[in-house]
C-alpha atoms as a PDB file:
ATOM      1  CA  MET A   1     -22.504 -27.299 -93.925  1.00  0.00           C
ATOM      2  CA  LEU A   2     -24.162 -27.186 -90.532  1.00  0.00           C
ATOM      3  CA  ARG A   3     -21.951 -30.048 -89.332  1.00  0.00           C
ATOM      4  CA  THR A   4     -18.785 -28.180 -90.425  1.00  0.00           C
ATOM      5  CA  SER A   5     -19.905 -24.994 -88.666  1.00  0.00           C
ATOM      6  CA  ALA A   6     -20.481 -26.888 -85.424  1.00  0.00           C
ATOM      7  CA  ARG A   7     -17.031 -28.470 -85.692  1.00  0.00           C
ATOM      8  CA  LEU A   8     -15.380 -25.117 -86.363  1.00  0.00           C
ATOM      9  CA  SER A   9     -17.118 -23.456 -83.464  1.00  0.00           C
ATOM     10  CA  ARG A  10     -15.959 -26.245 -81.102  1.00  0.00           C
ATOM     11  CA  THR A  11     -12.418 -25.795 -82.398  1.00  0.00           C
ATOM     12  CA  ALA A  12     -12.611 -22.046 -81.923  1.00  0.00           C
ATOM     13  CA  PHE A  13     -13.989 -22.527 -78.384  1.00  0.00           C
ATOM     14  CA  ARG A  14     -11.210 -24.968 -77.551  1.00  0.00           C
ATOM     15  CA  ALA A  15      -8.634 -22.546 -78.903  1.00  0.00           C
ATOM     16  CA  ARG A  16      -9.983 -19.765 -76.719  1.00  0.00           C
ATOM     17  CA  THR A  17      -9.774 -21.973 -73.629  1.00  0.00           C
ATOM     18  CA  LEU A  18      -6.088 -22.655 -74.320  1.00  0.00           C
ATOM     19  CA  SER A  19      -5.434 -18.910 -74.063  1.00  0.00           C
ATOM     20  CA  GLY A  20      -3.392 -18.631 -77.238  1.00  0.00           C
ATOM     21  CA  SER A  21      -0.098 -20.093 -76.027  1.00  0.00           C
ATOM     22  CA  PRO A  22       1.658 -23.448 -75.991  1.00  0.00           C
ATOM     23  CA  THR A  23       0.230 -25.695 -73.292  1.00  0.00           C
ATOM     24  CA  ALA A  24       1.788 -28.274 -70.976  1.00  0.00           C
ATOM     25  CA  THR A  25       0.430 -31.094 -73.166  1.00  0.00           C
ATOM     26  CA  GLY A  26       2.180 -29.811 -76.284  1.00  0.00           C
ATOM     27  CA  ASN A  27      -0.899 -28.343 -77.973  1.00  0.00           C
ATOM     28  CA  THR A  28      -0.297 -25.134 -79.864  1.00  0.00           C
ATOM     29  CA  VAL A  29      -2.795 -22.505 -80.844  1.00  0.00           C
ATOM     30  CA  ARG A  30      -2.444 -20.668 -84.139  1.00  0.00           C
ATOM     31  CA  SER A  31      -4.521 -17.836 -85.476  1.00  0.00           C
ATOM     32  CA  LEU A  32      -5.806 -18.131 -89.052  1.00  0.00           C
ATOM     33  CA  SER A  33      -7.488 -14.838 -89.853  1.00  0.00           C
ATOM     34  CA  THR A  34     -10.292 -14.717 -87.271  1.00  0.00           C
ATOM     35  CA  LEU A  35     -10.510 -18.470 -86.609  1.00  0.00           C
ATOM     36  CA  LYS A  36      -8.114 -20.123 -84.177  1.00  0.00           C
ATOM     37  CA  VAL A  37      -7.053 -23.677 -84.947  1.00  0.00           C
ATOM     38  CA  VAL A  38      -5.712 -26.169 -82.410  1.00  0.00           C
ATOM     39  CA  ARG A  39      -2.970 -28.591 -83.419  1.00  0.00           C
ATOM     40  CA  SER A  40      -2.299 -31.490 -81.045  1.00  0.00           C
ATOM     41  CA  ASN A  41       1.102 -33.090 -80.580  1.00  0.00           C
ATOM     42  CA  ALA A  42      -0.326 -35.948 -78.519  1.00  0.00           C
ATOM     43  CA  ILE A  43       0.906 -38.603 -80.945  1.00  0.00           C
ATOM     44  CA  SER A  44       4.359 -37.977 -82.298  1.00  0.00           C
ATOM     45  CA  ASN A  45       5.940 -39.732 -85.239  1.00  0.00           C
ATOM     46  CA  ALA A  46       8.426 -41.375 -82.887  1.00  0.00           C
ATOM     47  CA  THR A  47       5.714 -43.439 -81.185  1.00  0.00           C
ATOM     48  CA  ARG A  48       4.005 -44.653 -84.338  1.00  0.00           C
ATOM     49  CA  ALA A  49       4.798 -48.184 -85.489  1.00  0.00           C
ATOM     50  CA  PRO A  50       5.822 -48.647 -89.121  1.00  0.00           C
ATOM     51  CA  VAL A  51       3.265 -50.382 -91.319  1.00  0.00           C
ATOM     52  CA  ILE A  52       4.507 -53.567 -92.987  1.00  0.00           C
ATOM     53  CA  GLY A  53       2.128 -55.325 -95.346  1.00  0.00           C
ATOM     54  CA  GLY A  54      -0.869 -53.536 -93.874  1.00  0.00           C
ATOM     55  CA  VAL A  55      -0.063 -54.670 -90.314  1.00  0.00           C
ATOM     56  CA  ALA A  56       1.651 -52.469 -87.761  1.00  0.00           C
ATOM     57  CA  ALA A  57       5.002 -53.893 -86.713  1.00  0.00           C
ATOM     58  CA  LEU A  58       5.466 -54.633 -83.054  1.00  0.00           C
ATOM     59  CA  GLN A  59       7.698 -52.232 -81.223  1.00  0.00           C
ATOM     60  CA  SER A  60       9.944 -53.385 -78.433  1.00  0.00           C
ATOM     61  CA  ARG A  61       9.221 -51.783 -75.104  1.00  0.00           C
ATOM     62  CA  ARG A  62      11.134 -51.925 -71.853  1.00  0.00           C
ATOM     63  CA  PHE A  63       9.311 -52.766 -68.689  1.00  0.00           C
ATOM     64  CA  SER A  64      10.760 -52.996 -65.222  1.00  0.00           C
ATOM     65  CA  CYS A  65       9.410 -54.532 -62.089  1.00  0.00           C
ATOM     66  CA  ALA A  66      10.985 -53.331 -58.878  1.00  0.00           C
ATOM     67  CA  THR A  67       9.793 -56.339 -56.905  1.00  0.00           C
ATOM     68  CA  SER A  68      11.354 -58.991 -59.146  1.00  0.00           C
ATOM     69  CA  TRP A  69      14.996 -57.902 -58.831  1.00  0.00           C
ATOM     70  CA  ARG A  70      16.760 -55.188 -56.963  1.00  0.00           C
ATOM     71  CA  ALA A  71      20.391 -54.268 -57.162  1.00  0.00           C
ATOM     72  CA  PRO A  72      22.376 -54.602 -53.952  1.00  0.00           C
ATOM     73  CA  GLN A  73      22.332 -51.465 -51.811  1.00  0.00           C
ATOM     74  CA  VAL A  74      25.819 -50.074 -51.241  1.00  0.00           C
ATOM     75  CA  VAL A  75      26.608 -48.874 -47.709  1.00  0.00           C
ATOM     76  CA  LYS A  76      29.023 -45.943 -47.568  1.00  0.00           C
ATOM     77  CA  VAL A  77      30.903 -44.218 -44.768  1.00  0.00           C
ATOM     78  CA  PRO A  78      28.648 -41.332 -43.668  1.00  0.00           C
ATOM     79  CA  GLU A  79      29.632 -37.691 -43.196  1.00  0.00           C
ATOM     80  CA  MET A  80      31.135 -37.266 -39.748  1.00  0.00           C
ATOM     81  CA  ALA A  81      32.227 -33.843 -38.580  1.00  0.00           C
ATOM     82  CA  GLU A  82      33.427 -31.023 -40.797  1.00  0.00           C
ATOM     83  CA  SER A  83      37.103 -31.556 -39.994  1.00  0.00           C
ATOM     84  CA  ILE A  84      36.982 -35.384 -39.993  1.00  0.00           C
ATOM     85  CA  THR A  85      37.615 -37.069 -43.335  1.00  0.00           C
ATOM     86  CA  GLU A  86      38.709 -40.559 -42.281  1.00  0.00           C
ATOM     87  CA  GLY A  87      38.531 -43.091 -39.492  1.00  0.00           C
ATOM     88  CA  THR A  88      39.323 -46.685 -38.590  1.00  0.00           C
ATOM     89  CA  LEU A  89      36.681 -49.363 -39.034  1.00  0.00           C
ATOM     90  CA  SER A  90      36.675 -51.025 -35.628  1.00  0.00           C
ATOM     91  CA  SER A  91      34.113 -53.780 -36.251  1.00  0.00           C
ATOM     92  CA  PHE A  92      31.153 -55.133 -38.194  1.00  0.00           C
ATOM     93  CA  SER A  93      28.165 -56.314 -36.162  1.00  0.00           C
ATOM     94  CA  LYS A  94      27.091 -58.861 -38.819  1.00  0.00           C
ATOM     95  CA  ASP A  95      28.875 -61.166 -41.263  1.00  0.00           C
ATOM     96  CA  VAL A  96      28.293 -61.985 -44.933  1.00  0.00           C
ATOM     97  CA  GLY A  97      25.103 -64.009 -45.418  1.00  0.00           C
ATOM     98  CA  GLU A  98      23.397 -62.695 -42.283  1.00  0.00           C
ATOM     99  CA  TYR A  99      20.114 -60.777 -42.390  1.00  0.00           C
ATOM    100  CA  ILE A 100      20.076 -57.188 -41.121  1.00  0.00           C
ATOM    101  CA  ASN A 101      17.097 -54.917 -40.442  1.00  0.00           C
ATOM    102  CA  GLN A 102      16.864 -51.342 -41.685  1.00  0.00           C
ATOM    103  CA  ASP A 103      18.527 -48.882 -39.270  1.00  0.00           C
ATOM    104  CA  GLU A 104      20.227 -51.737 -37.384  1.00  0.00           C
ATOM    105  CA  LEU A 105      23.896 -51.220 -36.461  1.00  0.00           C
ATOM    106  CA  LEU A 106      26.158 -52.575 -39.213  1.00  0.00           C
ATOM    107  CA  ALA A 107      29.597 -51.171 -38.349  1.00  0.00           C
ATOM    108  CA  THR A 108      31.453 -48.858 -35.987  1.00  0.00           C
ATOM    109  CA  ILE A 109      34.094 -46.376 -37.154  1.00  0.00           C
ATOM    110  CA  GLU A 110      36.501 -44.802 -34.667  1.00  0.00           C
ATOM    111  CA  THR A 111      38.160 -41.428 -35.152  1.00  0.00           C
ATOM    112  CA  ASP A 112      40.377 -39.294 -32.909  1.00  0.00           C
ATOM    113  CA  LYS A 113      37.357 -37.322 -31.728  1.00  0.00           C
ATOM    114  CA  ILE A 114      34.233 -39.521 -32.047  1.00  0.00           C
ATOM    115  CA  ASP A 115      32.935 -43.026 -32.709  1.00  0.00           C
ATOM    116  CA  VAL A 116      30.481 -43.226 -35.608  1.00  0.00           C
ATOM    117  CA  GLU A 117      27.839 -45.933 -35.922  1.00  0.00           C
ATOM    118  CA  VAL A 118      26.915 -46.967 -39.468  1.00  0.00           C
ATOM    119  CA  ASN A 119      23.357 -48.292 -39.765  1.00  0.00           C
ATOM    120  CA  ALA A 120      21.877 -50.397 -42.557  1.00  0.00           C
ATOM    121  CA  PRO A 121      19.964 -48.246 -45.098  1.00  0.00           C
ATOM    122  CA  VAL A 122      17.639 -51.158 -46.009  1.00  0.00           C
ATOM    123  CA  SER A 123      16.569 -54.532 -44.641  1.00  0.00           C
ATOM    124  CA  GLY A 124      18.203 -57.454 -46.380  1.00  0.00           C
ATOM    125  CA  THR A 125      21.039 -59.954 -46.525  1.00  0.00           C
ATOM    126  CA  ILE A 126      24.648 -58.799 -46.373  1.00  0.00           C
ATOM    127  CA  THR A 127      26.274 -59.979 -49.605  1.00  0.00           C
ATOM    128  CA  GLU A 128      29.731 -58.453 -49.316  1.00  0.00           C
ATOM    129  CA  LEU A 129      31.974 -56.668 -46.815  1.00  0.00           C
ATOM    130  CA  LEU A 130      34.305 -54.443 -48.828  1.00  0.00           C
ATOM    131  CA  VAL A 131      36.748 -53.532 -46.038  1.00  0.00           C
ATOM    132  CA  SER A 132      38.199 -55.347 -43.036  1.00  0.00           C
ATOM    133  CA  PRO A 133      38.295 -54.327 -39.376  1.00  0.00           C
ATOM    134  CA  ASP A 134      41.230 -52.007 -38.563  1.00  0.00           C
ATOM    135  CA  ASP A 135      41.250 -50.627 -42.148  1.00  0.00           C
ATOM    136  CA  THR A 136      41.311 -46.850 -42.591  1.00  0.00           C
ATOM    137  CA  VAL A 137      38.163 -45.639 -44.358  1.00  0.00           C
ATOM    138  CA  THR A 138      37.281 -42.233 -45.806  1.00  0.00           C
ATOM    139  CA  VAL A 139      33.960 -40.391 -45.982  1.00  0.00           C
ATOM    140  CA  GLY A 140      31.891 -41.737 -48.895  1.00  0.00           C
ATOM    141  CA  GLN A 141      33.893 -44.966 -49.243  1.00  0.00           C
ATOM    142  CA  GLU A 142      31.869 -48.131 -49.877  1.00  0.00           C
ATOM    143  CA  ILE A 143      32.126 -50.580 -46.976  1.00  0.00           C
ATOM    144  CA  ALA A 144      29.403 -53.191 -47.585  1.00  0.00           C
ATOM    145  CA  LYS A 145      26.636 -54.383 -49.913  1.00  0.00           C
ATOM    146  CA  ILE A 146      23.158 -55.474 -48.838  1.00  0.00           C
ATOM    147  CA  GLU A 147      20.694 -57.367 -51.042  1.00  0.00           C
ATOM    148  CA  PRO A 148      17.270 -55.909 -50.138  1.00  0.00           C
ATOM    149  CA  GLY A 149      14.612 -58.438 -49.214  1.00  0.00           C
ATOM    150  CA  ALA A 150      12.479 -60.023 -46.554  1.00  0.00           C
ATOM    151  CA  ALA A 151      13.909 -61.963 -43.645  1.00  0.00           C
ATOM    152  CA  PRO A 152      14.573 -65.646 -44.385  1.00  0.00           C
ATOM    153  CA  GLU A 153      12.263 -68.069 -42.667  1.00  0.00           C
END
């Protein structure tokens, strides 16, 4: 009986510290006459593995590793001025297969009012040029793809 009383008083203390409302961790506090009881939602039914023959079945989990594979970074035509929506791609400074450093000049776009330099968003190898010089490009259009990575040795 003493052991039960100690357990109940710890539960009541814990309930008081949670201030009687749902918490960020999903715990809820309910009042049962004068004793407050804490119910924890820490383990939901969705995360429990089914039991087959007394052994918990393995659940498949997805893991990702950003260093093992990265999708090519798409380079788009940047915003220019408010009234400018298109321009002419005058040249690329690098070709497919060449390494480019982050913030290095990749292409130049000419408009009636200004020339816009497009810099590489990441360091890596240029895998594809999606437009040709003298093509008309619009703001937000994809112009190249860069495979992120270290410089080849």
